[in-house]
Amino acid sequence: MIRFQRIGRKNDPAFRMLVLEKASGPRAGKYVDLVGTYNPKTKAVTLQPERIKDWVAKGAQVSPSLMNLLIAKGVFEGKKINVLPKKTFPAPVVEEAAPAPVAATPAAEEVVEVSPEEVATVEEAPVEEAAVEEAPAVEEVPAKEEPAA
């Protein structure tokens, strides 16, 4: 993996561009290859584009922040990666999903009430029964609620 390693003093950052093993972090001296440096205050960048391209050809992945810098400097072509994407909230999807299981529950109860012997005779009539059962189902619900209340 090719990524940044922060170096420099407090409030004076500077970065090394290192080739690391995927499992290890950017600890001092524990890198495979040093391929460049970057100072964000002075905007100074030193690169070794041939070595970076060689490592990418060997299968090294480039971190999103470093990839954006390399695209800006012309080492790679393409669009920059949004490092901090906006969060999306799935609230409307949850509201739509809640009524769907309620509608599926009565259908499941109707399937349980039908015995295996009746399935052979009812195969032709479910379309007619479905249209007829929708109206009585609405009537049955208030009838059940009145004695319970």
Protein backbone atom coordinates (compact mmCIF):
# COMPACT_ATOMS: atom_id res chain seq x y z
CA MET A 1 0.00 0.00 0.00
CA ILE A 2 1.28 3.45 -0.85
CA ARG A 3 0.28 6.07 1.70
CA PHE A 4 1.37 9.12 3.67
CA GLN A 5 3.40 9.03 6.90
CA ARG A 6 3.22 12.20 8.97
CA ILE A 7 6.54 13.65 10.03
CA GLY A 8 7.54 17.09 11.30
CA ARG A 9 6.96 19.09 14.44
CA LYS A 10 3.74 20.01 16.17
CA ASN A 11 1.72 22.43 13.97
CA ASP A 12 4.29 22.00 11.19
CA PRO A 13 3.26 18.88 9.28
CA ALA A 14 5.20 17.19 6.53
CA PHE A 15 4.52 13.83 4.93
CA ARG A 16 6.51 11.00 3.42
CA MET A 17 5.05 8.87 0.64
CA LEU A 18 5.80 5.29 1.61
CA VAL A 19 5.24 1.82 0.22
CA LEU A 20 4.11 -0.35 3.15
CA GLU A 21 2.88 -3.84 3.77
CA LYS A 22 -0.93 -3.78 3.95
CA ALA A 23 -1.06 -5.13 7.52
CA SER A 24 1.51 -2.76 9.05
CA GLY A 25 0.98 0.86 10.02
CA PRO A 26 3.24 3.77 9.11
CA ARG A 27 5.77 3.33 11.93
CA ALA A 28 9.21 4.91 11.66
CA GLY A 29 11.62 2.79 9.63
CA LYS A 30 9.09 0.02 8.91
CA TYR A 31 8.52 0.71 5.23
CA VAL A 32 9.47 -1.03 2.01
CA ASP A 33 10.25 2.01 -0.16
CA LEU A 34 10.26 5.82 0.13
CA VAL A 35 8.80 7.28 -3.09
CA GLY A 36 8.37 10.98 -2.25
CA THR A 37 7.63 13.76 0.24
CA TYR A 38 4.96 16.43 0.61
CA ASN A 39 4.91 19.63 2.67
CA PRO A 40 1.36 21.08 2.78
CA LYS A 41 2.49 24.47 4.15
CA THR A 42 4.93 25.25 1.36
CA LYS A 43 3.15 23.02 -1.19
CA ALA A 44 6.52 21.40 -1.93
CA VAL A 45 6.21 17.96 -3.52
CA THR A 46 9.03 15.62 -4.48
CA LEU A 47 7.97 12.51 -6.39
CA GLN A 48 9.52 9.51 -8.05
CA PRO A 49 6.77 8.82 -10.61
CA GLU A 50 8.53 5.85 -12.23
CA ARG A 51 8.83 4.02 -8.91
CA ILE A 52 5.23 4.84 -7.96
CA LYS A 53 3.97 3.46 -11.28
CA ASP A 54 6.16 0.35 -10.83
CA TRP A 55 4.66 -0.34 -7.39
CA VAL A 56 1.12 0.17 -8.70
CA ALA A 57 1.90 -2.21 -11.57
CA LYS A 58 3.05 -4.78 -8.99
CA GLY A 59 -0.33 -4.50 -7.24
CA ALA A 60 0.20 -1.82 -4.59
CA GLN A 61 -2.91 0.17 -3.74
CA VAL A 62 -2.72 3.94 -3.35
CA SER A 63 -4.54 5.67 -0.47
CA PRO A 64 -7.33 8.05 -1.57
CA SER A 65 -5.57 11.19 -0.27
CA LEU A 66 -2.31 10.32 -1.99
CA MET A 67 -4.15 9.38 -5.19
CA ASN A 68 -5.75 12.85 -5.28
CA LEU A 69 -2.29 14.45 -4.96
CA LEU A 70 -0.86 12.22 -7.70
CA ILE A 71 -3.76 13.09 -10.02
CA ALA A 72 -3.20 16.80 -9.34
CA LYS A 73 0.52 16.45 -10.16
CA GLY A 74 -0.19 14.53 -13.37
CA VAL A 75 1.26 11.15 -12.38
CA PHE A 76 -2.13 9.46 -12.90
CA GLU A 77 -5.14 10.50 -14.94
CA GLY A 78 -8.74 10.40 -13.80
CA LYS A 79 -11.16 12.04 -11.41
CA LYS A 80 -10.25 12.85 -7.83
CA ILE A 81 -11.74 10.65 -5.12
CA ASN A 82 -14.10 12.19 -2.55
CA VAL A 83 -12.22 11.35 0.65
CA LEU A 84 -15.00 12.57 2.95
CA PRO A 85 -18.34 11.56 1.35
CA LYS A 86 -21.59 12.98 2.71
CA LYS A 87 -23.66 10.71 4.92
CA THR A 88 -27.06 9.60 3.72
CA PHE A 89 -29.96 8.88 6.01
CA PRO A 90 -32.22 5.89 5.17
CA ALA A 91 -35.24 7.23 7.14
CA PRO A 92 -37.74 7.32 4.20
CA VAL A 93 -36.88 3.74 3.26
CA VAL A 94 -37.64 2.51 6.81
CA GLU A 95 -41.10 4.11 6.78
CA GLU A 96 -42.00 2.40 3.50
CA ALA A 97 -40.68 -0.96 4.70
CA ALA A 98 -42.80 -0.97 7.88
CA PRO A 99 -46.24 -1.15 6.16
CA ALA A 100 -45.12 -3.89 3.76
CA PRO A 101 -44.70 -6.60 6.45
CA VAL A 102 -48.14 -5.73 7.88
CA ALA A 103 -49.71 -6.37 4.47
CA ALA A 104 -47.76 -9.62 4.09
CA THR A 105 -48.87 -10.96 7.49
CA PRO A 106 -52.59 -11.41 6.61
CA ALA A 107 -51.61 -13.14 3.38
CA ALA A 108 -49.47 -15.56 5.38
CA GLU A 109 -52.40 -16.32 7.69
CA GLU A 110 -54.66 -17.08 4.70
CA VAL A 111 -52.13 -19.55 3.33
CA VAL A 112 -51.95 -21.35 6.69
CA GLU A 113 -55.76 -21.75 6.86
CA VAL A 114 -55.93 -23.57 3.50
CA SER A 115 -55.45 -27.34 3.86
CA PRO A 116 -53.41 -29.39 1.33
CA GLU A 117 -56.57 -31.16 0.05
CA GLU A 118 -58.25 -27.85 -0.79
CA VAL A 119 -55.16 -26.54 -2.62
CA ALA A 120 -55.91 -28.70 -5.68
CA THR A 121 -59.51 -27.42 -5.89
CA VAL A 122 -58.67 -23.80 -5.04
CA GLU A 123 -55.89 -23.35 -7.65
CA GLU A 124 -58.36 -22.00 -10.22
CA ALA A 125 -60.34 -19.82 -7.80
CA PRO A 126 -57.68 -17.81 -5.86
CA VAL A 127 -58.02 -14.84 -8.22
CA GLU A 128 -61.76 -14.63 -7.57
CA GLU A 129 -61.38 -15.25 -3.83
CA ALA A 130 -58.66 -12.63 -3.51
CA ALA A 131 -60.99 -9.96 -4.89
CA VAL A 132 -63.83 -11.19 -2.67
CA GLU A 133 -61.68 -11.62 0.45
CA GLU A 134 -60.27 -8.09 0.32
CA ALA A 135 -63.62 -6.49 1.13
CA PRO A 136 -64.64 -8.95 3.93
CA ALA A 137 -61.17 -8.64 5.46
CA VAL A 138 -61.85 -4.94 6.05
CA GLU A 139 -65.23 -5.77 7.60
CA GLU A 140 -63.80 -8.51 9.81
CA VAL A 141 -61.17 -6.26 11.37
CA PRO A 142 -63.69 -3.80 12.93
CA ALA A 143 -65.90 -6.71 14.01
CA LYS A 144 -62.98 -8.21 15.94
CA GLU A 145 -62.07 -4.84 17.45
CA GLU A 146 -65.56 -4.12 18.85
CA PRO A 147 -65.80 -7.19 21.15
CA ALA A 148 -62.17 -6.76 22.20
CA ALA A 149 -62.76 -3.09 23.13
